[in-house]
Amino acid sequence: MQELLAIIAKGLVDDPDSVSVVADAPSEDGTTVYHIHVAESDMGRIIGKQGRIAKAIRTIARSAAIRSDEKIMVEID
């Protein structure tokens, strides 16, 4: 899942070397939180107008997680 999120994020930003994806340990209900870190100048590219790109990233990640029986959340830092 981390690789998928990293590939998506690196394709959207101007500085792909600054992209990192960190996963927290699963919580009590089994949800894993993934944090995407990008350069400050690329934040608008990842979020998109009215959050449309961020919403699309979350949708793709949830779809991939369902295939492997995981519960995930994606946060953009």
N, C-alpha and C. Protein backbone atom coordinates (compact mmCIF):
# COMPACT_ATOMS: atom_id res chain seq x y z
N MET A 1 0.82 -1.19 0.00
CA MET A 1 0.00 0.00 0.00
C MET A 1 0.87 1.26 0.00
N GLN A 2 1.98 1.22 0.75
CA GLN A 2 2.87 2.38 0.80
C GLN A 2 3.45 2.67 -0.58
N GLU A 3 3.80 1.62 -1.32
CA GLU A 3 4.35 1.81 -2.65
C GLU A 3 3.32 2.43 -3.59
N LEU A 4 2.08 1.98 -3.51
CA LEU A 4 1.01 2.52 -4.35
C LEU A 4 0.83 4.01 -4.09
N LEU A 5 0.74 4.39 -2.83
CA LEU A 5 0.57 5.80 -2.48
C LEU A 5 1.77 6.64 -2.91
N ALA A 6 2.97 6.08 -2.77
CA ALA A 6 4.18 6.81 -3.16
C ALA A 6 4.21 7.02 -4.67
N ILE A 7 3.85 6.02 -5.44
CA ILE A 7 3.85 6.14 -6.90
C ILE A 7 2.84 7.19 -7.35
N ILE A 8 1.66 7.17 -6.77
CA ILE A 8 0.63 8.15 -7.12
C ILE A 8 1.10 9.56 -6.79
N ALA A 9 1.63 9.74 -5.59
CA ALA A 9 2.06 11.07 -5.15
C ALA A 9 3.23 11.58 -5.98
N LYS A 10 4.20 10.71 -6.28
CA LYS A 10 5.36 11.14 -7.06
C LYS A 10 4.98 11.55 -8.47
N GLY A 11 3.92 10.98 -9.00
CA GLY A 11 3.46 11.34 -10.33
C GLY A 11 2.77 12.70 -10.37
N LEU A 12 2.34 13.20 -9.24
CA LEU A 12 1.60 14.46 -9.19
C LEU A 12 2.45 15.68 -8.86
N VAL A 13 3.58 15.49 -8.21
CA VAL A 13 4.34 16.63 -7.68
C VAL A 13 5.51 17.02 -8.58
N ASP A 14 6.05 18.22 -8.35
CA ASP A 14 7.23 18.70 -9.08
C ASP A 14 8.52 18.14 -8.50
N ASP A 15 8.53 17.87 -7.19
CA ASP A 15 9.73 17.38 -6.50
C ASP A 15 9.47 15.97 -5.96
N PRO A 16 9.59 14.93 -6.81
CA PRO A 16 9.26 13.57 -6.34
C PRO A 16 10.20 13.02 -5.28
N ASP A 17 11.39 13.60 -5.15
CA ASP A 17 12.33 13.12 -4.13
C ASP A 17 11.88 13.47 -2.72
N SER A 18 11.01 14.46 -2.57
CA SER A 18 10.56 14.88 -1.25
C SER A 18 9.34 14.09 -0.77
N VAL A 19 8.82 13.20 -1.58
CA VAL A 19 7.63 12.43 -1.21
C VAL A 19 8.02 11.27 -0.30
N SER A 20 7.29 11.12 0.79
CA SER A 20 7.47 9.96 1.66
C SER A 20 6.10 9.53 2.19
N VAL A 21 5.96 8.24 2.37
CA VAL A 21 4.72 7.68 2.89
C VAL A 21 5.07 6.88 4.14
N VAL A 22 4.41 7.21 5.25
CA VAL A 22 4.66 6.55 6.53
C VAL A 22 3.37 5.91 7.01
N ALA A 23 3.47 4.68 7.50
CA ALA A 23 2.30 3.97 8.00
C ALA A 23 2.38 3.86 9.52
N ASP A 24 1.26 4.18 10.18
CA ASP A 24 1.18 3.98 11.63
C ASP A 24 0.81 2.52 11.91
N ALA A 25 1.04 2.11 13.12
CA ALA A 25 0.62 0.77 13.53
C ALA A 25 -0.90 0.71 13.54
N PRO A 26 -1.48 -0.44 13.23
CA PRO A 26 -2.96 -0.54 13.23
C PRO A 26 -3.55 -0.19 14.60
N SER A 27 -4.67 0.50 14.58
CA SER A 27 -5.34 0.89 15.82
C SER A 27 -6.16 -0.28 16.36
N GLU A 28 -6.92 -0.03 17.41
CA GLU A 28 -7.71 -1.08 18.06
C GLU A 28 -8.71 -1.73 17.10
N ASP A 29 -9.29 -0.93 16.22
CA ASP A 29 -10.28 -1.48 15.29
C ASP A 29 -9.64 -2.00 14.00
N GLY A 30 -8.32 -2.02 13.92
CA GLY A 30 -7.62 -2.58 12.77
C GLY A 30 -7.37 -1.62 11.64
N THR A 31 -7.59 -0.32 11.87
CA THR A 31 -7.38 0.68 10.82
C THR A 31 -5.93 1.15 10.83
N THR A 32 -5.31 1.11 9.66
CA THR A 32 -3.95 1.59 9.49
C THR A 32 -4.01 2.97 8.85
N VAL A 33 -3.29 3.94 9.42
CA VAL A 33 -3.27 5.30 8.89
C VAL A 33 -1.97 5.50 8.12
N TYR A 34 -2.10 5.93 6.87
CA TYR A 34 -0.96 6.24 6.03
C TYR A 34 -0.84 7.76 5.91
N HIS A 35 0.36 8.27 6.14
CA HIS A 35 0.63 9.70 6.06
C HIS A 35 1.49 9.97 4.83
N ILE A 36 1.02 10.85 3.95
CA ILE A 36 1.79 11.24 2.78
C ILE A 36 2.42 12.60 3.08
N HIS A 37 3.74 12.67 2.99
CA HIS A 37 4.48 13.91 3.22
C HIS A 37 5.03 14.39 1.88
N VAL A 38 4.76 15.64 1.54
CA VAL A 38 5.30 16.24 0.31
C VAL A 38 5.90 17.60 0.65
N ALA A 39 6.62 18.16 -0.31
CA ALA A 39 7.19 19.49 -0.12
C ALA A 39 6.06 20.51 0.01
N GLU A 40 6.34 21.58 0.72
CA GLU A 40 5.33 22.62 0.95
C GLU A 40 4.81 23.20 -0.37
N SER A 41 5.70 23.34 -1.35
CA SER A 41 5.30 23.91 -2.64
C SER A 41 4.39 22.98 -3.45
N ASP A 42 4.41 21.69 -3.13
CA ASP A 42 3.60 20.71 -3.86
C ASP A 42 2.29 20.37 -3.16
N MET A 43 2.03 20.97 -2.04
CA MET A 43 0.83 20.64 -1.26
C MET A 43 -0.45 20.88 -2.07
N GLY A 44 -0.50 21.96 -2.81
CA GLY A 44 -1.69 22.26 -3.61
C GLY A 44 -1.92 21.25 -4.71
N ARG A 45 -0.86 20.70 -5.26
CA ARG A 45 -1.00 19.70 -6.32
C ARG A 45 -1.58 18.40 -5.77
N ILE A 46 -1.21 18.03 -4.56
CA ILE A 46 -1.71 16.79 -3.96
C ILE A 46 -3.16 16.95 -3.51
N ILE A 47 -3.50 18.10 -2.97
CA ILE A 47 -4.86 18.33 -2.48
C ILE A 47 -5.82 18.59 -3.63
N GLY A 48 -5.43 19.42 -4.57
CA GLY A 48 -6.28 19.73 -5.71
C GLY A 48 -7.36 20.74 -5.36
N LYS A 49 -8.08 21.18 -6.38
CA LYS A 49 -9.16 22.15 -6.17
C LYS A 49 -10.27 21.50 -5.38
N GLN A 50 -10.64 22.13 -4.30
CA GLN A 50 -11.69 21.66 -3.39
C GLN A 50 -11.44 20.23 -2.91
N GLY A 51 -10.17 19.80 -2.88
CA GLY A 51 -9.82 18.50 -2.35
C GLY A 51 -10.14 17.33 -3.26
N ARG A 52 -10.34 17.58 -4.54
CA ARG A 52 -10.74 16.51 -5.45
C ARG A 52 -9.65 15.47 -5.65
N ILE A 53 -8.41 15.89 -5.78
CA ILE A 53 -7.31 14.94 -6.00
C ILE A 53 -7.07 14.13 -4.73
N ALA A 54 -7.12 14.77 -3.57
CA ALA A 54 -6.95 14.05 -2.30
C ALA A 54 -8.06 13.02 -2.14
N LYS A 55 -9.27 13.37 -2.50
CA LYS A 55 -10.39 12.45 -2.41
C LYS A 55 -10.19 11.26 -3.35
N ALA A 56 -9.67 11.52 -4.54
CA ALA A 56 -9.41 10.45 -5.50
C ALA A 56 -8.32 9.51 -5.01
N ILE A 57 -7.27 10.07 -4.39
CA ILE A 57 -6.20 9.24 -3.83
C ILE A 57 -6.76 8.34 -2.74
N ARG A 58 -7.59 8.89 -1.88
CA ARG A 58 -8.20 8.10 -0.81
C ARG A 58 -9.10 7.00 -1.36
N THR A 59 -9.84 7.29 -2.41
CA THR A 59 -10.72 6.31 -3.02
C THR A 59 -9.92 5.15 -3.61
N ILE A 60 -8.85 5.46 -4.32
CA ILE A 60 -8.01 4.41 -4.91
C ILE A 60 -7.38 3.56 -3.82
N ALA A 61 -6.90 4.20 -2.76
CA ALA A 61 -6.26 3.46 -1.67
C ALA A 61 -7.26 2.55 -0.96
N ARG A 62 -8.47 3.04 -0.72
CA ARG A 62 -9.49 2.20 -0.08
C ARG A 62 -9.87 1.02 -0.95
N SER A 63 -9.96 1.24 -2.25
CA SER A 63 -10.28 0.16 -3.18
C SER A 63 -9.21 -0.92 -3.16
N ALA A 64 -7.95 -0.51 -3.13
CA ALA A 64 -6.85 -1.46 -3.05
C ALA A 64 -6.84 -2.19 -1.71
N ALA A 65 -7.21 -1.49 -0.64
CA ALA A 65 -7.21 -2.11 0.69
C ALA A 65 -8.32 -3.14 0.82
N ILE A 66 -9.43 -2.91 0.18
CA ILE A 66 -10.54 -3.86 0.26
C ILE A 66 -10.13 -5.20 -0.33
N ARG A 67 -9.32 -5.16 -1.38
CA ARG A 67 -8.88 -6.41 -2.02
C ARG A 67 -8.03 -7.25 -1.07
N SER A 68 -7.35 -6.60 -0.12
CA SER A 68 -6.50 -7.34 0.82
C SER A 68 -7.08 -7.35 2.23
N ASP A 69 -8.38 -7.09 2.36
CA ASP A 69 -9.08 -7.11 3.66
C ASP A 69 -8.42 -6.22 4.71
N GLU A 70 -8.11 -4.99 4.35
CA GLU A 70 -7.54 -4.03 5.28
C GLU A 70 -8.50 -2.85 5.45
N LYS A 71 -8.36 -2.17 6.56
CA LYS A 71 -9.05 -0.89 6.78
C LYS A 71 -7.95 0.16 6.82
N ILE A 72 -8.09 1.20 6.00
CA ILE A 72 -7.05 2.21 5.97
C ILE A 72 -7.66 3.61 5.98
N MET A 73 -6.81 4.56 6.32
CA MET A 73 -7.10 5.99 6.19
C MET A 73 -5.85 6.63 5.59
N VAL A 74 -6.06 7.64 4.77
CA VAL A 74 -4.93 8.35 4.15
C VAL A 74 -5.00 9.79 4.59
N GLU A 75 -3.90 10.28 5.17
CA GLU A 75 -3.80 11.68 5.57
C GLU A 75 -2.64 12.33 4.81
N ILE A 76 -2.85 13.56 4.40
CA ILE A 76 -1.83 14.29 3.68
C ILE A 76 -1.24 15.35 4.62
N ASP A 77 0.03 15.22 4.91
CA ASP A 77 0.70 16.12 5.86
C ASP A 77 1.62 17.07 5.11
